[in-house]
Amino acid sequence: MSGNERVLASLQNASKSYGKIKALDGVDLALRGGELLALLGPNGAGKTTAIGLLLGLIRVDAGAVSLFGQDPQRIQARRNIGVMLQDATLPATLRVGELIRLTASYYPSPRTLSESAELAGVGDLLDRPYGKLSGGQQRRVQFALALCGRPRLLFLDEPSVGMDIQARQKLWTAIRHLVAEGNGVVLTTHYLEEAEALANRVCVMARGKIISEGSVDELRARVSLKRVRCATRLDVATVRDWPEVTEARMDGGRLWMSSDRVEALVRRLLAVDADLSSLEVQAAGLAEAFTELTRDADETAAEQLEAA
């Protein structure tokens, strides 16, 4: 196993319940260096519990949890992680530079202030009080705090929430840089384009279990839906009634459709509109794959309940 493929943290047959609710049910998960893992799932899927176990915030009921080969609650293991939570409460009166210096002081070999600021894109904010920043600026500062300790494993929870397009692109560039350095990154996001752009591996959870795992392309290949785009005189309302179409919308003057019977759909389109142009057929995106995978998991769970 090369340095970039080493397992940094893992769940092994991990289960966790809260009363009668089983938040995790026998989950196996490995986090590796040099890789970004996108952990996806609907609310209540078990993502937060899985991360809480890996961070040592909660204890497993059954199975095993390892962080750098140690108990996640050991300080020696925690010194190798950086965390960016969705909700963060930081001292509003401290200046950004002071916050980064303070956070970096807890680590044995932190990045310099200038390096952390450059990576996170907050060099222009160092002298400003944290409480005076916009929501997107605060998220960039929180990212700086997550990476300033030079962690080998980062947990990023909805990192781009509140950011504009330019700030999001800079964040993505910084994350790719961290992965290229050999660090591991765990990303949880509802912004599936972000996962599609960044992830080396995607893990989809539902009802406390991992229901699918693989690269973005592998997950996309597991669903039957494909995208069809074209310029046509046909209107959306007409196309939506066709049996071959599962979804239809207009975007940028073109008709977009999703279908699991794409050959039949294309034949019908060409037969109905002889002037149709700019026809494209694409594999399903991660959003469609995620929707189909989680829907199948819900249908399976419902069938099991009925059988019981």
C-alpha atoms as a PDB file:
ATOM      1  CA  MET A   1       0.000   0.000   0.000  1.00  0.00           C
ATOM      2  CA  SER A   2       1.517   3.346  -1.055  1.00  0.00           C
ATOM      3  CA  GLY A   3       1.679   6.365   1.234  1.00  0.00           C
ATOM      4  CA  ASN A   4      -1.241   8.060  -0.456  1.00  0.00           C
ATOM      5  CA  GLU A   5      -3.447   4.959  -0.154  1.00  0.00           C
ATOM      6  CA  ARG A   6      -2.886   4.271   3.532  1.00  0.00           C
ATOM      7  CA  VAL A   7      -5.977   3.979   5.716  1.00  0.00           C
ATOM      8  CA  LEU A   8      -6.095   6.953   8.088  1.00  0.00           C
ATOM      9  CA  ALA A   9      -9.361   6.132   9.848  1.00  0.00           C
ATOM     10  CA  SER A  10     -12.004   3.436   9.689  1.00  0.00           C
ATOM     11  CA  LEU A  11     -15.320   2.108  10.887  1.00  0.00           C
ATOM     12  CA  GLN A  12     -15.536  -1.667  11.123  1.00  0.00           C
ATOM     13  CA  ASN A  13     -19.027  -3.167  11.405  1.00  0.00           C
ATOM     14  CA  ALA A  14     -19.949  -0.079  13.430  1.00  0.00           C
ATOM     15  CA  SER A  15     -23.429   0.242  14.944  1.00  0.00           C
ATOM     16  CA  LYS A  16     -24.929   3.041  17.012  1.00  0.00           C
ATOM     17  CA  SER A  17     -28.454   3.490  18.350  1.00  0.00           C
ATOM     18  CA  TYR A  18     -30.272   6.317  20.066  1.00  0.00           C
ATOM     19  CA  GLY A  19     -33.032   4.618  22.004  1.00  0.00           C
ATOM     20  CA  LYS A  20     -35.050   2.625  19.486  1.00  0.00           C
ATOM     21  CA  ILE A  21     -33.552   4.483  16.516  1.00  0.00           C
ATOM     22  CA  LYS A  22     -30.642   2.683  14.833  1.00  0.00           C
ATOM     23  CA  ALA A  23     -28.507   5.499  13.441  1.00  0.00           C
ATOM     24  CA  LEU A  24     -25.758   3.186  12.133  1.00  0.00           C
ATOM     25  CA  ASP A  25     -26.235  -0.468  11.296  1.00  0.00           C
ATOM     26  CA  GLY A  26     -23.020  -2.437  10.721  1.00  0.00           C
ATOM     27  CA  VAL A  27     -21.150   0.156   8.667  1.00  0.00           C
ATOM     28  CA  ASP A  28     -17.685  -0.483   7.198  1.00  0.00           C
ATOM     29  CA  LEU A  29     -15.873   2.618   5.995  1.00  0.00           C
ATOM     30  CA  ALA A  30     -12.200   3.427   5.316  1.00  0.00           C
ATOM     31  CA  LEU A  31     -10.726   6.913   4.904  1.00  0.00           C
ATOM     32  CA  ARG A  32      -7.470   7.050   2.940  1.00  0.00           C
ATOM     33  CA  GLY A  33      -4.691   9.534   2.348  1.00  0.00           C
ATOM     34  CA  GLY A  34      -4.594  11.300  -1.015  1.00  0.00           C
ATOM     35  CA  GLU A  35      -8.328  10.815  -1.484  1.00  0.00           C
ATOM     36  CA  LEU A  36     -11.478  12.872  -1.094  1.00  0.00           C
ATOM     37  CA  LEU A  37     -14.429  10.810   0.077  1.00  0.00           C
ATOM     38  CA  ALA A  38     -17.854  12.388  -0.383  1.00  0.00           C
ATOM     39  CA  LEU A  39     -20.258  11.048   2.230  1.00  0.00           C
ATOM     40  CA  LEU A  40     -23.779  11.580   0.903  1.00  0.00           C
ATOM     41  CA  GLY A  41     -27.253  10.739   2.106  1.00  0.00           C
ATOM     42  CA  PRO A  42     -30.621  12.243   3.000  1.00  0.00           C
ATOM     43  CA  ASN A  43     -31.226  13.709   6.450  1.00  0.00           C
ATOM     44  CA  GLY A  44     -31.215  10.916   9.028  1.00  0.00           C
ATOM     45  CA  ALA A  45     -29.087   8.613   6.859  1.00  0.00           C
ATOM     46  CA  GLY A  46     -26.363   8.269   9.507  1.00  0.00           C
ATOM     47  CA  LYS A  47     -23.687  10.616   8.126  1.00  0.00           C
ATOM     48  CA  THR A  48     -23.454  12.770  11.257  1.00  0.00           C
ATOM     49  CA  THR A  49     -23.252   9.705  13.504  1.00  0.00           C
ATOM     50  CA  ALA A  50     -20.503   8.158  11.371  1.00  0.00           C
ATOM     51  CA  ILE A  51     -18.431  11.337  11.550  1.00  0.00           C
ATOM     52  CA  GLY A  52     -19.127  11.741  15.262  1.00  0.00           C
ATOM     53  CA  LEU A  53     -17.692   8.265  15.861  1.00  0.00           C
ATOM     54  CA  LEU A  54     -14.588   8.990  13.754  1.00  0.00           C
ATOM     55  CA  LEU A  55     -14.020  12.260  15.626  1.00  0.00           C
ATOM     56  CA  GLY A  56     -14.408  10.565  18.995  1.00  0.00           C
ATOM     57  CA  LEU A  57     -17.410  12.704  19.912  1.00  0.00           C
ATOM     58  CA  ILE A  58     -19.571   9.647  20.567  1.00  0.00           C
ATOM     59  CA  ARG A  59     -18.879   5.992  21.340  1.00  0.00           C
ATOM     60  CA  VAL A  60     -19.788   3.026  19.174  1.00  0.00           C
ATOM     61  CA  ASP A  61     -22.299   0.470  20.546  1.00  0.00           C
ATOM     62  CA  ALA A  62     -20.801  -2.401  18.546  1.00  0.00           C
ATOM     63  CA  GLY A  63     -17.939  -2.792  16.109  1.00  0.00           C
ATOM     64  CA  ALA A  64     -14.688  -0.821  16.056  1.00  0.00           C
ATOM     65  CA  VAL A  65     -13.518   2.703  15.258  1.00  0.00           C
ATOM     66  CA  SER A  66      -9.922   3.666  14.492  1.00  0.00           C
ATOM     67  CA  LEU A  67      -8.299   7.060  13.956  1.00  0.00           C
ATOM     68  CA  PHE A  68      -4.653   6.774  12.876  1.00  0.00           C
ATOM     69  CA  GLY A  69      -4.610   3.333  14.474  1.00  0.00           C
ATOM     70  CA  GLN A  70      -5.772   4.695  17.823  1.00  0.00           C
ATOM     71  CA  ASP A  71      -8.913   5.359  19.833  1.00  0.00           C
ATOM     72  CA  PRO A  72     -10.460   8.519  18.293  1.00  0.00           C
ATOM     73  CA  GLN A  73     -10.717  10.075  21.751  1.00  0.00           C
ATOM     74  CA  ARG A  74      -6.928  10.061  22.226  1.00  0.00           C
ATOM     75  CA  ILE A  75      -5.406  13.519  21.883  1.00  0.00           C
ATOM     76  CA  GLN A  76      -2.481  12.104  19.870  1.00  0.00           C
ATOM     77  CA  ALA A  77      -4.917  10.994  17.160  1.00  0.00           C
ATOM     78  CA  ARG A  78      -6.975  14.188  17.217  1.00  0.00           C
ATOM     79  CA  ARG A  79      -3.897  16.339  16.614  1.00  0.00           C
ATOM     80  CA  ASN A  80      -3.833  14.939  13.074  1.00  0.00           C
ATOM     81  CA  ILE A  81      -7.330  16.070  12.086  1.00  0.00           C
ATOM     82  CA  GLY A  82      -8.941  19.323  11.014  1.00  0.00           C
ATOM     83  CA  VAL A  83     -12.676  19.910  11.211  1.00  0.00           C
ATOM     84  CA  MET A  84     -15.001  22.390   9.513  1.00  0.00           C
ATOM     85  CA  LEU A  85     -18.509  21.951  10.883  1.00  0.00           C
ATOM     86  CA  GLN A  86     -21.667  23.343   9.325  1.00  0.00           C
ATOM     87  CA  ASP A  87     -22.376  25.369  12.457  1.00  0.00           C
ATOM     88  CA  ALA A  88     -19.447  27.044  14.204  1.00  0.00           C
ATOM     89  CA  THR A  89     -19.502  29.502  17.096  1.00  0.00           C
ATOM     90  CA  LEU A  90     -16.319  31.575  17.276  1.00  0.00           C
ATOM     91  CA  PRO A  91     -15.441  34.684  19.333  1.00  0.00           C
ATOM     92  CA  ALA A  92     -16.904  37.572  17.365  1.00  0.00           C
ATOM     93  CA  THR A  93     -14.448  40.171  18.680  1.00  0.00           C
ATOM     94  CA  LEU A  94     -11.245  38.316  17.777  1.00  0.00           C
ATOM     95  CA  ARG A  95      -9.598  39.293  14.520  1.00  0.00           C
ATOM     96  CA  VAL A  96      -9.182  36.640  11.854  1.00  0.00           C
ATOM     97  CA  GLY A  97      -5.402  36.543  12.219  1.00  0.00           C
ATOM     98  CA  GLU A  98      -5.760  36.064  15.975  1.00  0.00           C
ATOM     99  CA  LEU A  99      -8.193  33.175  15.469  1.00  0.00           C
ATOM    100  CA  ILE A 100      -5.844  31.399  13.077  1.00  0.00           C
ATOM    101  CA  ARG A 101      -2.817  31.888  15.356  1.00  0.00           C
ATOM    102  CA  LEU A 102      -4.763  30.632  18.367  1.00  0.00           C
ATOM    103  CA  THR A 103      -6.035  27.529  16.565  1.00  0.00           C
ATOM    104  CA  ALA A 104      -2.613  26.776  15.083  1.00  0.00           C
ATOM    105  CA  SER A 105      -1.049  26.888  18.555  1.00  0.00           C
ATOM    106  CA  TYR A 106      -2.875  23.666  19.494  1.00  0.00           C
ATOM    107  CA  TYR A 107      -0.974  21.669  16.838  1.00  0.00           C
ATOM    108  CA  PRO A 108       2.639  20.426  16.954  1.00  0.00           C
ATOM    109  CA  SER A 109       3.650  21.498  13.404  1.00  0.00           C
ATOM    110  CA  PRO A 110       1.113  24.031  12.121  1.00  0.00           C
ATOM    111  CA  ARG A 111       1.201  25.977   8.891  1.00  0.00           C
ATOM    112  CA  THR A 112       2.379  29.578   9.057  1.00  0.00           C
ATOM    113  CA  LEU A 113      -0.282  32.262   9.235  1.00  0.00           C
ATOM    114  CA  SER A 114       0.509  33.427   5.718  1.00  0.00           C
ATOM    115  CA  GLU A 115       0.301  29.883   4.303  1.00  0.00           C
ATOM    116  CA  SER A 116      -3.043  29.187   5.975  1.00  0.00           C
ATOM    117  CA  ALA A 117      -4.426  32.542   4.864  1.00  0.00           C
ATOM    118  CA  GLU A 118      -3.295  32.034   1.269  1.00  0.00           C
ATOM    119  CA  LEU A 119      -4.719  28.514   1.021  1.00  0.00           C
ATOM    120  CA  ALA A 120      -8.093  29.572   2.447  1.00  0.00           C
ATOM    121  CA  GLY A 121      -8.206  32.885   0.588  1.00  0.00           C
ATOM    122  CA  VAL A 122      -8.510  35.047   3.711  1.00  0.00           C
ATOM    123  CA  GLY A 123      -5.351  37.153   3.404  1.00  0.00           C
ATOM    124  CA  ASP A 124      -7.448  40.310   3.030  1.00  0.00           C
ATOM    125  CA  LEU A 125      -9.451  39.532   6.189  1.00  0.00           C
ATOM    126  CA  LEU A 126      -6.684  39.007   8.778  1.00  0.00           C
ATOM    127  CA  ASP A 127      -7.189  42.353  10.551  1.00  0.00           C
ATOM    128  CA  ARG A 128     -10.977  42.226  10.566  1.00  0.00           C
ATOM    129  CA  PRO A 129     -13.081  41.069  13.560  1.00  0.00           C
ATOM    130  CA  TYR A 130     -14.710  37.704  12.847  1.00  0.00           C
ATOM    131  CA  GLY A 131     -18.135  38.985  13.872  1.00  0.00           C
ATOM    132  CA  LYS A 132     -18.041  41.711  11.223  1.00  0.00           C
ATOM    133  CA  LEU A 133     -17.655  39.283   8.331  1.00  0.00           C
ATOM    134  CA  SER A 134     -20.346  38.058   5.960  1.00  0.00           C
ATOM    135  CA  GLY A 135     -21.526  34.452   6.139  1.00  0.00           C
ATOM    136  CA  GLY A 136     -19.407  33.429   3.151  1.00  0.00           C
ATOM    137  CA  GLN A 137     -16.324  35.149   4.581  1.00  0.00           C
ATOM    138  CA  GLN A 138     -16.831  33.382   7.904  1.00  0.00           C
ATOM    139  CA  ARG A 139     -16.943  30.044   6.099  1.00  0.00           C
ATOM    140  CA  ARG A 140     -13.591  30.823   4.473  1.00  0.00           C
ATOM    141  CA  VAL A 141     -12.135  31.622   7.899  1.00  0.00           C
ATOM    142  CA  GLN A 142     -13.510  28.358   9.287  1.00  0.00           C
ATOM    143  CA  PHE A 143     -11.773  26.554   6.423  1.00  0.00           C
ATOM    144  CA  ALA A 144      -8.520  28.296   7.366  1.00  0.00           C
ATOM    145  CA  LEU A 145      -8.934  27.080  10.949  1.00  0.00           C
ATOM    146  CA  ALA A 146      -9.512  23.508   9.716  1.00  0.00           C
ATOM    147  CA  LEU A 147      -6.295  23.408   7.698  1.00  0.00           C
ATOM    148  CA  CYS A 148      -3.961  25.597   9.764  1.00  0.00           C
ATOM    149  CA  GLY A 149      -2.710  22.706  11.930  1.00  0.00           C
ATOM    150  CA  ARG A 150      -1.421  20.827   8.889  1.00  0.00           C
ATOM    151  CA  PRO A 151      -3.828  17.912   9.531  1.00  0.00           C
ATOM    152  CA  ARG A 152      -3.488  14.639   7.677  1.00  0.00           C
ATOM    153  CA  LEU A 153      -7.280  14.170   7.635  1.00  0.00           C
ATOM    154  CA  LEU A 154      -9.898  16.896   7.201  1.00  0.00           C
ATOM    155  CA  PHE A 155     -13.637  16.677   7.825  1.00  0.00           C
ATOM    156  CA  LEU A 156     -15.536  19.300   5.820  1.00  0.00           C
ATOM    157  CA  ASP A 157     -19.268  19.601   6.525  1.00  0.00           C
ATOM    158  CA  GLU A 158     -21.112  21.656   3.880  1.00  0.00           C
ATOM    159  CA  PRO A 159     -17.981  23.795   3.379  1.00  0.00           C
ATOM    160  CA  SER A 160     -19.231  26.062   0.585  1.00  0.00           C
ATOM    161  CA  VAL A 161     -22.546  27.107   2.174  1.00  0.00           C
ATOM    162  CA  GLY A 162     -22.948  30.875   1.860  1.00  0.00           C
ATOM    163  CA  MET A 163     -20.057  31.299  -0.582  1.00  0.00           C
ATOM    164  CA  ASP A 164     -20.359  33.040  -3.942  1.00  0.00           C
ATOM    165  CA  ILE A 165     -19.226  31.288  -7.123  1.00  0.00           C
ATOM    166  CA  GLN A 166     -15.727  32.775  -7.086  1.00  0.00           C
ATOM    167  CA  ALA A 167     -15.115  31.874  -3.434  1.00  0.00           C
ATOM    168  CA  ARG A 168     -16.445  28.351  -4.042  1.00  0.00           C
ATOM    169  CA  GLN A 169     -14.050  27.837  -6.948  1.00  0.00           C
ATOM    170  CA  LYS A 170     -11.105  28.979  -4.790  1.00  0.00           C
ATOM    171  CA  LEU A 171     -12.226  26.593  -2.045  1.00  0.00           C
ATOM    172  CA  TRP A 172     -12.333  23.702  -4.515  1.00  0.00           C
ATOM    173  CA  THR A 173      -8.815  24.569  -5.718  1.00  0.00           C
ATOM    174  CA  ALA A 174      -7.530  24.569  -2.122  1.00  0.00           C
ATOM    175  CA  ILE A 175      -9.197  21.238  -1.356  1.00  0.00           C
ATOM    176  CA  ARG A 176      -7.633  19.661  -4.449  1.00  0.00           C
ATOM    177  CA  HIS A 177      -4.253  21.008  -3.298  1.00  0.00           C
ATOM    178  CA  LEU A 178      -4.671  19.381   0.115  1.00  0.00           C
ATOM    179  CA  VAL A 179      -5.581  16.033  -1.442  1.00  0.00           C
ATOM    180  CA  ALA A 180      -2.621  16.271  -3.823  1.00  0.00           C
ATOM    181  CA  GLU A 181      -0.366  16.711  -0.776  1.00  0.00           C
ATOM    182  CA  GLY A 182      -1.470  13.242   0.344  1.00  0.00           C
ATOM    183  CA  ASN A 183      -4.040  14.303   2.921  1.00  0.00           C
ATOM    184  CA  GLY A 184      -7.413  12.615   3.300  1.00  0.00           C
ATOM    185  CA  VAL A 185     -10.586  14.697   3.060  1.00  0.00           C
ATOM    186  CA  VAL A 186     -14.117  13.701   4.065  1.00  0.00           C
ATOM    187  CA  LEU A 187     -16.781  15.894   2.477  1.00  0.00           C
ATOM    188  CA  THR A 188     -20.445  15.969   3.432  1.00  0.00           C
ATOM    189  CA  THR A 189     -22.579  18.146   1.192  1.00  0.00           C
ATOM    190  CA  HIS A 190     -26.076  18.519  -0.195  1.00  0.00           C
ATOM    191  CA  TYR A 191     -24.530  20.393  -3.134  1.00  0.00           C
ATOM    192  CA  LEU A 192     -24.045  17.366  -5.380  1.00  0.00           C
ATOM    193  CA  GLU A 193     -22.184  19.304  -8.060  1.00  0.00           C
ATOM    194  CA  GLU A 194     -19.500  19.879  -5.420  1.00  0.00           C
ATOM    195  CA  ALA A 195     -19.183  16.154  -4.735  1.00  0.00           C
ATOM    196  CA  GLU A 196     -19.160  15.399  -8.453  1.00  0.00           C
ATOM    197  CA  ALA A 197     -16.353  17.925  -9.032  1.00  0.00           C
ATOM    198  CA  LEU A 198     -14.122  16.896  -6.119  1.00  0.00           C
ATOM    199  CA  ALA A 199     -14.683  13.308  -5.033  1.00  0.00           C
ATOM    200  CA  ASN A 200     -12.365  10.417  -5.796  1.00  0.00           C
ATOM    201  CA  ARG A 201     -14.858   8.145  -4.059  1.00  0.00           C
ATOM    202  CA  VAL A 202     -18.517   8.560  -3.135  1.00  0.00           C
ATOM    203  CA  CYS A 203     -20.295   6.744  -0.326  1.00  0.00           C
ATOM    204  CA  VAL A 204     -24.101   6.957  -0.296  1.00  0.00           C
ATOM    205  CA  MET A 205     -25.874   6.235   2.992  1.00  0.00           C
ATOM    206  CA  ALA A 206     -29.525   5.604   3.766  1.00  0.00           C
ATOM    207  CA  ARG A 207     -31.224   4.378   6.936  1.00  0.00           C
ATOM    208  CA  GLY A 208     -27.931   3.811   8.763  1.00  0.00           C
ATOM    209  CA  LYS A 209     -26.359   1.670   6.034  1.00  0.00           C
ATOM    210  CA  ILE A 210     -24.011   2.203   3.112  1.00  0.00           C
ATOM    211  CA  ILE A 211     -26.102   1.487   0.033  1.00  0.00           C
ATOM    212  CA  SER A 212     -23.545   2.301  -2.645  1.00  0.00           C
ATOM    213  CA  GLU A 213     -19.851   3.121  -2.831  1.00  0.00           C
ATOM    214  CA  GLY A 214     -17.456   3.835  -5.692  1.00  0.00           C
ATOM    215  CA  SER A 215     -16.169   6.556  -7.981  1.00  0.00           C
ATOM    216  CA  VAL A 216     -18.554   9.147  -9.411  1.00  0.00           C
ATOM    217  CA  ASP A 217     -18.475   7.366 -12.773  1.00  0.00           C
ATOM    218  CA  GLU A 218     -19.175   4.006 -11.140  1.00  0.00           C
ATOM    219  CA  LEU A 219     -22.224   5.372  -9.305  1.00  0.00           C
ATOM    220  CA  ARG A 220     -23.512   7.062 -12.426  1.00  0.00           C
ATOM    221  CA  ALA A 221     -23.176   3.784 -14.339  1.00  0.00           C
ATOM    222  CA  ARG A 222     -25.350   1.973 -11.786  1.00  0.00           C
ATOM    223  CA  VAL A 223     -28.475   3.930 -12.670  1.00  0.00           C
ATOM    224  CA  SER A 224     -30.485   3.504 -15.816  1.00  0.00           C
ATOM    225  CA  LEU A 225     -31.387   7.172 -16.309  1.00  0.00           C
ATOM    226  CA  LYS A 226     -29.708   9.219 -19.015  1.00  0.00           C
ATOM    227  CA  ARG A 227     -29.969  12.898 -19.918  1.00  0.00           C
ATOM    228  CA  VAL A 228     -31.190  14.059 -23.315  1.00  0.00           C
ATOM    229  CA  ARG A 229     -30.799  17.668 -24.422  1.00  0.00           C
ATOM    230  CA  CYS A 230     -31.914  19.290 -27.672  1.00  0.00           C
ATOM    231  CA  ALA A 231     -33.213  22.419 -29.373  1.00  0.00           C
ATOM    232  CA  THR A 232     -36.807  21.750 -30.401  1.00  0.00           C
ATOM    233  CA  ARG A 233     -40.160  23.399 -31.054  1.00  0.00           C
ATOM    234  CA  LEU A 234     -41.786  20.923 -28.650  1.00  0.00           C
ATOM    235  CA  ASP A 235     -42.959  22.328 -25.317  1.00  0.00           C
ATOM    236  CA  VAL A 236     -42.212  20.871 -21.901  1.00  0.00           C
ATOM    237  CA  ALA A 237     -45.840  20.068 -21.069  1.00  0.00           C
ATOM    238  CA  THR A 238     -46.170  17.831 -24.137  1.00  0.00           C
ATOM    239  CA  VAL A 239     -42.939  15.950 -23.561  1.00  0.00           C
ATOM    240  CA  ARG A 240     -43.652  15.354 -19.859  1.00  0.00           C
ATOM    241  CA  ASP A 241     -46.633  13.178 -20.845  1.00  0.00           C
ATOM    242  CA  TRP A 242     -44.510  10.794 -22.896  1.00  0.00           C
ATOM    243  CA  PRO A 243     -43.957   7.396 -21.237  1.00  0.00           C
ATOM    244  CA  GLU A 244     -40.228   7.494 -22.052  1.00  0.00           C
ATOM    245  CA  VAL A 245     -39.700  10.717 -20.041  1.00  0.00           C
ATOM    246  CA  THR A 246     -39.212  10.751 -16.281  1.00  0.00           C
ATOM    247  CA  GLU A 247     -38.386  14.468 -16.042  1.00  0.00           C
ATOM    248  CA  ALA A 248     -38.388  17.434 -18.433  1.00  0.00           C
ATOM    249  CA  ARG A 249     -37.480  21.102 -18.157  1.00  0.00           C
ATOM    250  CA  MET A 250     -36.311  24.056 -20.235  1.00  0.00           C
ATOM    251  CA  ASP A 251     -32.848  25.475 -19.586  1.00  0.00           C
ATOM    252  CA  GLY A 252     -31.064  28.073 -21.694  1.00  0.00           C
ATOM    253  CA  GLY A 253     -33.564  27.716 -24.521  1.00  0.00           C
ATOM    254  CA  ARG A 254     -33.044  23.951 -24.746  1.00  0.00           C
ATOM    255  CA  LEU A 255     -35.206  21.069 -23.666  1.00  0.00           C
ATOM    256  CA  TRP A 256     -33.658  18.784 -21.012  1.00  0.00           C
ATOM    257  CA  MET A 257     -35.096  15.332 -20.345  1.00  0.00           C
ATOM    258  CA  SER A 258     -34.260  12.341 -18.168  1.00  0.00           C
ATOM    259  CA  SER A 259     -35.135   8.877 -19.426  1.00  0.00           C
ATOM    260  CA  ASP A 260     -34.453   5.209 -18.764  1.00  0.00           C
ATOM    261  CA  ARG A 261     -35.604   4.410 -22.326  1.00  0.00           C
ATOM    262  CA  VAL A 262     -33.353   6.814 -24.152  1.00  0.00           C
ATOM    263  CA  GLU A 263     -33.307   5.063 -27.544  1.00  0.00           C
ATOM    264  CA  ALA A 264     -37.109   5.106 -27.752  1.00  0.00           C
ATOM    265  CA  LEU A 265     -37.163   8.738 -26.628  1.00  0.00           C
ATOM    266  CA  VAL A 266     -34.690   9.827 -29.301  1.00  0.00           C
ATOM    267  CA  ARG A 267     -36.660   8.018 -32.019  1.00  0.00           C
ATOM    268  CA  ARG A 268     -39.875   9.761 -30.910  1.00  0.00           C
ATOM    269  CA  LEU A 269     -38.201  13.178 -30.782  1.00  0.00           C
ATOM    270  CA  LEU A 270     -36.857  12.840 -34.326  1.00  0.00           C
ATOM    271  CA  ALA A 271     -40.196  11.559 -35.619  1.00  0.00           C
ATOM    272  CA  VAL A 272     -42.224  14.378 -34.081  1.00  0.00           C
ATOM    273  CA  ASP A 273     -39.856  17.278 -34.808  1.00  0.00           C
ATOM    274  CA  ALA A 274     -37.972  17.011 -38.107  1.00  0.00           C
ATOM    275  CA  ASP A 275     -36.222  20.325 -37.364  1.00  0.00           C
ATOM    276  CA  LEU A 276     -34.813  19.145 -34.007  1.00  0.00           C
ATOM    277  CA  SER A 277     -31.135  20.086 -33.552  1.00  0.00           C
ATOM    278  CA  SER A 278     -28.234  20.080 -31.077  1.00  0.00           C
ATOM    279  CA  LEU A 279     -29.199  16.632 -29.813  1.00  0.00           C
ATOM    280  CA  GLU A 280     -27.019  15.320 -26.950  1.00  0.00           C
ATOM    281  CA  VAL A 281     -27.271  12.160 -24.848  1.00  0.00           C
ATOM    282  CA  GLN A 282     -25.330  11.964 -21.573  1.00  0.00           C
ATOM    283  CA  ALA A 283     -24.998   9.512 -18.726  1.00  0.00           C
ATOM    284  CA  ALA A 284     -26.878  10.413 -15.573  1.00  0.00           C
ATOM    285  CA  GLY A 285     -25.263  12.946 -13.290  1.00  0.00           C
ATOM    286  CA  LEU A 286     -24.488  12.288  -9.643  1.00  0.00           C
ATOM    287  CA  ALA A 287     -27.730  14.020  -8.647  1.00  0.00           C
ATOM    288  CA  GLU A 288     -29.827  11.557 -10.654  1.00  0.00           C
ATOM    289  CA  ALA A 289     -27.769   8.623  -9.384  1.00  0.00           C
ATOM    290  CA  PHE A 290     -28.190   9.779  -5.791  1.00  0.00           C
ATOM    291  CA  THR A 291     -31.954  10.199  -6.222  1.00  0.00           C
ATOM    292  CA  GLU A 292     -32.416   6.764  -7.779  1.00  0.00           C
ATOM    293  CA  LEU A 293     -30.186   4.968  -5.256  1.00  0.00           C
ATOM    294  CA  THR A 294     -31.877   6.483  -2.212  1.00  0.00           C
ATOM    295  CA  ARG A 295     -35.353   5.939  -3.690  1.00  0.00           C
ATOM    296  CA  ASP A 296     -34.547   2.271  -4.236  1.00  0.00           C
ATOM    297  CA  ALA A 297     -33.346   2.014  -0.615  1.00  0.00           C
ATOM    298  CA  ASP A 298     -36.608   3.544   0.648  1.00  0.00           C
ATOM    299  CA  GLU A 299     -38.702   1.200  -1.485  1.00  0.00           C
ATOM    300  CA  THR A 300     -36.738  -1.824  -0.230  1.00  0.00           C
ATOM    301  CA  ALA A 301     -37.200  -0.730   3.393  1.00  0.00           C
ATOM    302  CA  ALA A 302     -40.938  -0.260   2.847  1.00  0.00           C
ATOM    303  CA  GLU A 303     -41.253  -3.739   1.318  1.00  0.00           C
ATOM    304  CA  GLN A 304     -39.400  -5.252   4.280  1.00  0.00           C
ATOM    305  CA  LEU A 305     -41.768  -3.529   6.705  1.00  0.00           C
ATOM    306  CA  GLU A 306     -44.798  -4.818   4.833  1.00  0.00           C
ATOM    307  CA  ALA A 307     -43.366  -8.363   4.793  1.00  0.00           C
ATOM    308  CA  ALA A 308     -42.761  -8.202   8.544  1.00  0.00           C
END
